Amino acid sequence: MKTKKDLMKLPKKSDLERANARGIFSSFGGAKSAEVPQSGTKKDKKSGAPEYSLKHAEQRVLVLIDVQNLYHSAKNLYGTRVNFSAILKTAVSNRRLVRAFAYVIRTKSGEEKMFFEALTKLGIETRVKDLQEFYGGAKKGDWDVGIVIDAVRVASSCDVVCLCSGDGDFIPLIEYLENKGKRTEVLAFGRSASAKLKEEADEFIDLGSSLQNYLLKKSSK
């Protein structure tokens, strides 16, 4: 398996080559070159949002959900939980879903079981890892390597990889996928997401711009 260091060494294709590799011309039934961006997906400098969309119904989409990243961002920033159903809907955007993975951590108490089942009912495959507890009280649970492995493994079967995470550690993965001709989309809370990750992705969707859609209502006590 290629390490993150190896991925970063890969040469970048020109933006036009990347556009061709993603099938932008053919997928629109012979669209004129003027309709295709000449320098990648343009973004509004103020909001970071794309000025136009390169999404279309025939694109095959892989969705990778870093549950821990989104959970802690929502909890720390807004004091509530994430609406994963809405996030999946936005990630797919009426396109062809190839697979959707959610990367979760299981504690000894097993209190997450109902949450895992809810994800499965949404059509999301859960990747489960036990929380590691070390002497002295330290705890560890991250899925960075697993997410990279799944992305590389399934990338050949999709046109778009949608990463639901604001973790800057995934920048080399985004670069690698783009060099392979894949369109990359990142969904995360803008206030906590890596600035460079937002810049590197073909499209960044700020979940914080529509909190009523992406957060669950706080339960009244």
Protein backbone atom coordinates (compact mmCIF):
# COMPACT_ATOMS: atom_id res chain seq x y z
CA MET A 1 0.00 0.00 0.00
CA LYS A 2 1.22 3.46 -0.87
CA THR A 3 2.02 5.61 2.14
CA LYS A 4 0.92 9.25 2.45
CA LYS A 5 4.50 10.24 1.72
CA ASP A 6 4.45 8.24 -1.53
CA LEU A 7 1.14 9.78 -2.56
CA MET A 8 2.48 13.30 -2.15
CA LYS A 9 5.31 12.58 -4.62
CA LEU A 10 2.95 11.81 -7.49
CA PRO A 11 3.11 14.41 -10.31
CA LYS A 12 0.04 16.54 -10.84
CA LYS A 13 -1.88 16.51 -14.11
CA SER A 14 -2.88 19.74 -15.74
CA ASP A 15 -6.37 20.93 -14.93
CA LEU A 16 -7.53 20.22 -18.48
CA GLU A 17 -6.20 16.65 -18.30
CA ARG A 18 -8.01 16.18 -15.01
CA ALA A 19 -11.23 17.48 -16.56
CA ASN A 20 -10.90 15.06 -19.49
CA ALA A 21 -10.07 12.15 -17.19
CA ARG A 22 -13.21 12.76 -15.16
CA GLY A 23 -15.31 12.46 -18.31
CA ILE A 24 -16.65 16.00 -18.15
CA PHE A 25 -16.75 16.39 -21.94
CA SER A 26 -18.34 13.07 -22.85
CA SER A 27 -20.76 12.96 -19.92
CA PHE A 28 -22.59 16.03 -21.16
CA GLY A 29 -23.13 14.53 -24.60
CA GLY A 30 -20.43 16.42 -26.46
CA ALA A 31 -20.56 19.68 -24.56
CA LYS A 32 -18.59 22.54 -26.03
CA SER A 33 -15.22 23.22 -24.50
CA ALA A 34 -16.38 26.69 -23.50
CA GLU A 35 -18.76 25.06 -21.03
CA VAL A 36 -15.91 23.31 -19.24
CA PRO A 37 -13.67 25.28 -16.85
CA GLN A 38 -10.17 25.84 -18.17
CA SER A 39 -8.57 26.00 -14.74
CA GLY A 40 -10.43 23.45 -12.66
CA THR A 41 -13.53 24.17 -10.62
CA LYS A 42 -13.72 27.90 -10.02
CA LYS A 43 -14.59 29.01 -6.51
CA ASP A 44 -15.99 32.26 -5.20
CA LYS A 45 -13.17 33.82 -3.18
CA LYS A 46 -15.49 35.09 -0.46
CA SER A 47 -17.53 31.95 0.26
CA GLY A 48 -15.34 29.26 -1.28
CA ALA A 49 -18.42 27.89 -3.06
CA PRO A 50 -18.18 26.80 -6.72
CA GLU A 51 -19.47 29.34 -9.21
CA TYR A 52 -21.12 26.50 -11.14
CA SER A 53 -21.63 22.79 -10.63
CA LEU A 54 -19.93 19.89 -12.39
CA LYS A 55 -22.32 17.35 -10.91
CA HIS A 56 -24.50 15.22 -13.15
CA ALA A 57 -26.73 12.18 -12.74
CA GLU A 58 -24.41 9.64 -14.37
CA GLN A 59 -21.49 10.22 -12.01
CA ARG A 60 -20.64 7.27 -9.76
CA VAL A 61 -20.04 8.46 -6.21
CA LEU A 62 -18.05 7.00 -3.32
CA VAL A 63 -18.87 8.54 0.08
CA LEU A 64 -16.41 8.36 2.98
CA ILE A 65 -17.73 9.63 6.32
CA ASP A 66 -15.26 10.38 9.10
CA VAL A 67 -17.81 10.11 11.91
CA GLN A 68 -15.46 11.12 14.71
CA ASN A 69 -14.38 14.30 12.92
CA LEU A 70 -17.93 15.45 12.20
CA TYR A 71 -19.22 14.39 15.62
CA HIS A 72 -16.60 16.33 17.56
CA SER A 73 -16.87 19.36 15.29
CA ALA A 74 -20.64 19.56 15.79
CA LYS A 75 -20.34 18.98 19.52
CA ASN A 76 -17.56 21.50 20.10
CA LEU A 77 -18.88 24.21 17.79
CA TYR A 78 -22.63 23.90 18.24
CA GLY A 79 -23.24 21.60 21.20
CA THR A 80 -25.37 19.15 19.25
CA ARG A 81 -25.26 16.12 16.95
CA VAL A 82 -24.93 15.58 13.21
CA ASN A 83 -27.77 14.67 10.85
CA PHE A 84 -26.01 11.95 8.86
CA SER A 85 -29.06 11.31 6.69
CA ALA A 86 -28.89 14.88 5.35
CA ILE A 87 -25.13 14.64 4.86
CA LEU A 88 -25.48 11.45 2.79
CA LYS A 89 -28.22 13.04 0.68
CA THR A 90 -26.04 16.07 -0.08
CA ALA A 91 -23.00 13.91 -0.80
CA VAL A 92 -24.87 11.78 -3.32
CA SER A 93 -26.85 14.70 -4.83
CA ASN A 94 -29.10 12.52 -7.01
CA ARG A 95 -26.14 10.72 -8.56
CA ARG A 96 -25.25 7.01 -8.64
CA LEU A 97 -24.05 5.89 -5.22
CA VAL A 98 -21.40 3.19 -5.51
CA ARG A 99 -20.77 2.72 -1.79
CA ALA A 100 -20.98 4.80 1.38
CA PHE A 101 -18.75 4.05 4.34
CA ALA A 102 -18.99 5.46 7.86
CA TYR A 103 -15.93 5.02 10.07
CA VAL A 104 -16.91 4.63 13.72
CA ILE A 105 -15.36 3.84 17.09
CA ARG A 106 -16.87 1.30 19.51
CA THR A 107 -16.46 1.73 23.26
CA LYS A 108 -16.61 -0.98 25.93
CA SER A 109 -20.09 0.13 26.99
CA GLY A 110 -21.52 -0.62 23.55
CA GLU A 111 -23.84 2.38 23.79
CA GLU A 112 -23.19 3.20 20.12
CA LYS A 113 -25.02 0.11 18.86
CA MET A 114 -28.29 1.90 18.04
CA PHE A 115 -26.38 4.63 16.23
CA PHE A 116 -24.53 2.05 14.13
CA GLU A 117 -27.83 0.39 13.25
CA ALA A 118 -29.31 3.74 12.24
CA LEU A 119 -26.41 4.31 9.84
CA THR A 120 -26.95 0.87 8.31
CA LYS A 121 -30.65 1.64 7.74
CA LEU A 122 -29.57 4.69 5.74
CA GLY A 123 -27.63 2.42 3.40
CA ILE A 124 -24.26 3.28 4.92
CA GLU A 125 -21.74 0.52 5.55
CA THR A 126 -20.08 0.89 8.94
CA ARG A 127 -16.41 0.29 9.51
CA VAL A 128 -16.02 -0.39 13.23
CA LYS A 129 -12.88 -0.14 15.34
CA ASP A 130 -12.61 -0.59 19.10
CA LEU A 131 -11.47 2.36 21.17
CA GLN A 132 -7.94 1.79 22.43
CA GLU A 133 -7.34 2.61 26.07
CA PHE A 134 -3.82 2.96 27.43
CA TYR A 135 -2.32 2.92 30.88
CA GLY A 136 -2.76 6.33 32.45
CA GLY A 137 -6.16 6.96 30.88
CA ALA A 138 -5.09 7.91 27.36
CA LYS A 139 -7.50 6.86 24.60
CA LYS A 140 -7.07 6.53 20.88
CA GLY A 141 -9.42 5.85 18.02
CA ASP A 142 -8.82 7.08 14.49
CA TRP A 143 -9.56 5.74 11.06
CA ASP A 144 -7.17 7.79 8.90
CA VAL A 145 -5.34 4.82 7.38
CA GLY A 146 -8.54 2.82 6.88
CA ILE A 147 -10.22 5.68 5.03
CA VAL A 148 -7.21 6.05 2.72
CA ILE A 149 -7.18 2.30 2.00
CA ASP A 150 -10.88 2.21 1.10
CA ALA A 151 -10.58 5.31 -1.08
CA VAL A 152 -7.69 3.86 -3.08
CA ARG A 153 -9.33 0.42 -3.28
CA VAL A 154 -12.72 1.62 -4.57
CA ALA A 155 -11.59 4.66 -6.58
CA SER A 156 -11.36 2.72 -9.84
CA SER A 157 -15.12 2.02 -9.65
CA CYS A 158 -16.22 5.63 -9.23
CA ASP A 159 -15.96 9.08 -10.79
CA VAL A 160 -16.34 11.14 -7.62
CA VAL A 161 -14.97 10.67 -4.12
CA CYS A 162 -16.87 12.61 -1.49
CA LEU A 163 -14.93 12.92 1.77
CA CYS A 164 -16.99 13.97 4.77
CA SER A 165 -14.24 15.24 7.03
CA GLY A 166 -12.33 18.43 7.73
CA ASP A 167 -9.12 16.64 8.71
CA GLY A 168 -6.07 18.11 6.96
CA ASP A 169 -4.32 14.73 7.12
CA PHE A 170 -6.36 13.77 4.05
CA ILE A 171 -4.79 16.39 1.77
CA PRO A 172 -2.34 13.85 0.23
CA LEU A 173 -5.29 11.52 -0.43
CA ILE A 174 -7.21 14.27 -2.22
CA GLU A 175 -4.14 15.06 -4.32
CA TYR A 176 -3.69 11.38 -5.17
CA LEU A 177 -7.32 10.95 -6.24
CA GLU A 178 -7.20 14.06 -8.42
CA ASN A 179 -4.06 12.75 -10.10
CA LYS A 180 -6.07 9.61 -10.87
CA GLY A 181 -8.68 11.74 -12.62
CA LYS A 182 -11.28 11.64 -9.86
CA ARG A 183 -13.45 14.57 -8.89
CA THR A 184 -13.06 15.30 -5.20
CA GLU A 185 -15.67 16.85 -2.94
CA VAL A 186 -15.29 17.62 0.76
CA LEU A 187 -18.17 18.11 3.21
CA ALA A 188 -17.26 19.51 6.63
CA PHE A 189 -17.90 22.34 9.05
CA GLY A 190 -15.99 25.29 7.64
CA ARG A 191 -15.02 26.70 11.03
CA SER A 192 -13.06 23.60 11.99
CA ALA A 193 -11.98 22.24 8.60
CA SER A 194 -8.42 22.51 7.32
CA ALA A 195 -8.04 25.57 5.08
CA LYS A 196 -5.69 23.73 2.75
CA LEU A 197 -8.06 20.76 2.48
CA LYS A 198 -10.88 23.11 1.46
CA GLU A 199 -8.64 24.69 -1.15
CA GLU A 200 -7.34 21.41 -2.58
CA ALA A 201 -10.71 19.73 -3.14
CA ASP A 202 -12.60 20.36 -6.38
CA GLU A 203 -15.58 21.42 -4.29
CA PHE A 204 -15.99 22.22 -0.61
CA ILE A 205 -19.44 22.19 0.96
CA ASP A 206 -19.61 24.01 4.28
CA LEU A 207 -22.07 22.19 6.54
CA GLY A 208 -22.03 25.25 8.76
CA SER A 209 -23.77 27.28 6.07
CA SER A 210 -27.01 25.35 6.60
CA LEU A 211 -27.03 24.22 10.22
CA GLN A 212 -30.78 23.61 10.21
CA ASN A 213 -30.23 20.85 7.65
CA TYR A 214 -27.08 19.20 8.96
CA LEU A 215 -27.57 19.32 12.72
CA LEU A 216 -30.16 17.56 14.85
CA LYS A 217 -32.28 19.72 17.10
CA LYS A 218 -31.14 19.83 20.69
CA SER A 219 -33.34 17.76 22.94
CA SER A 220 -35.24 19.83 25.47
CA LYS A 221 -34.65 18.89 29.10
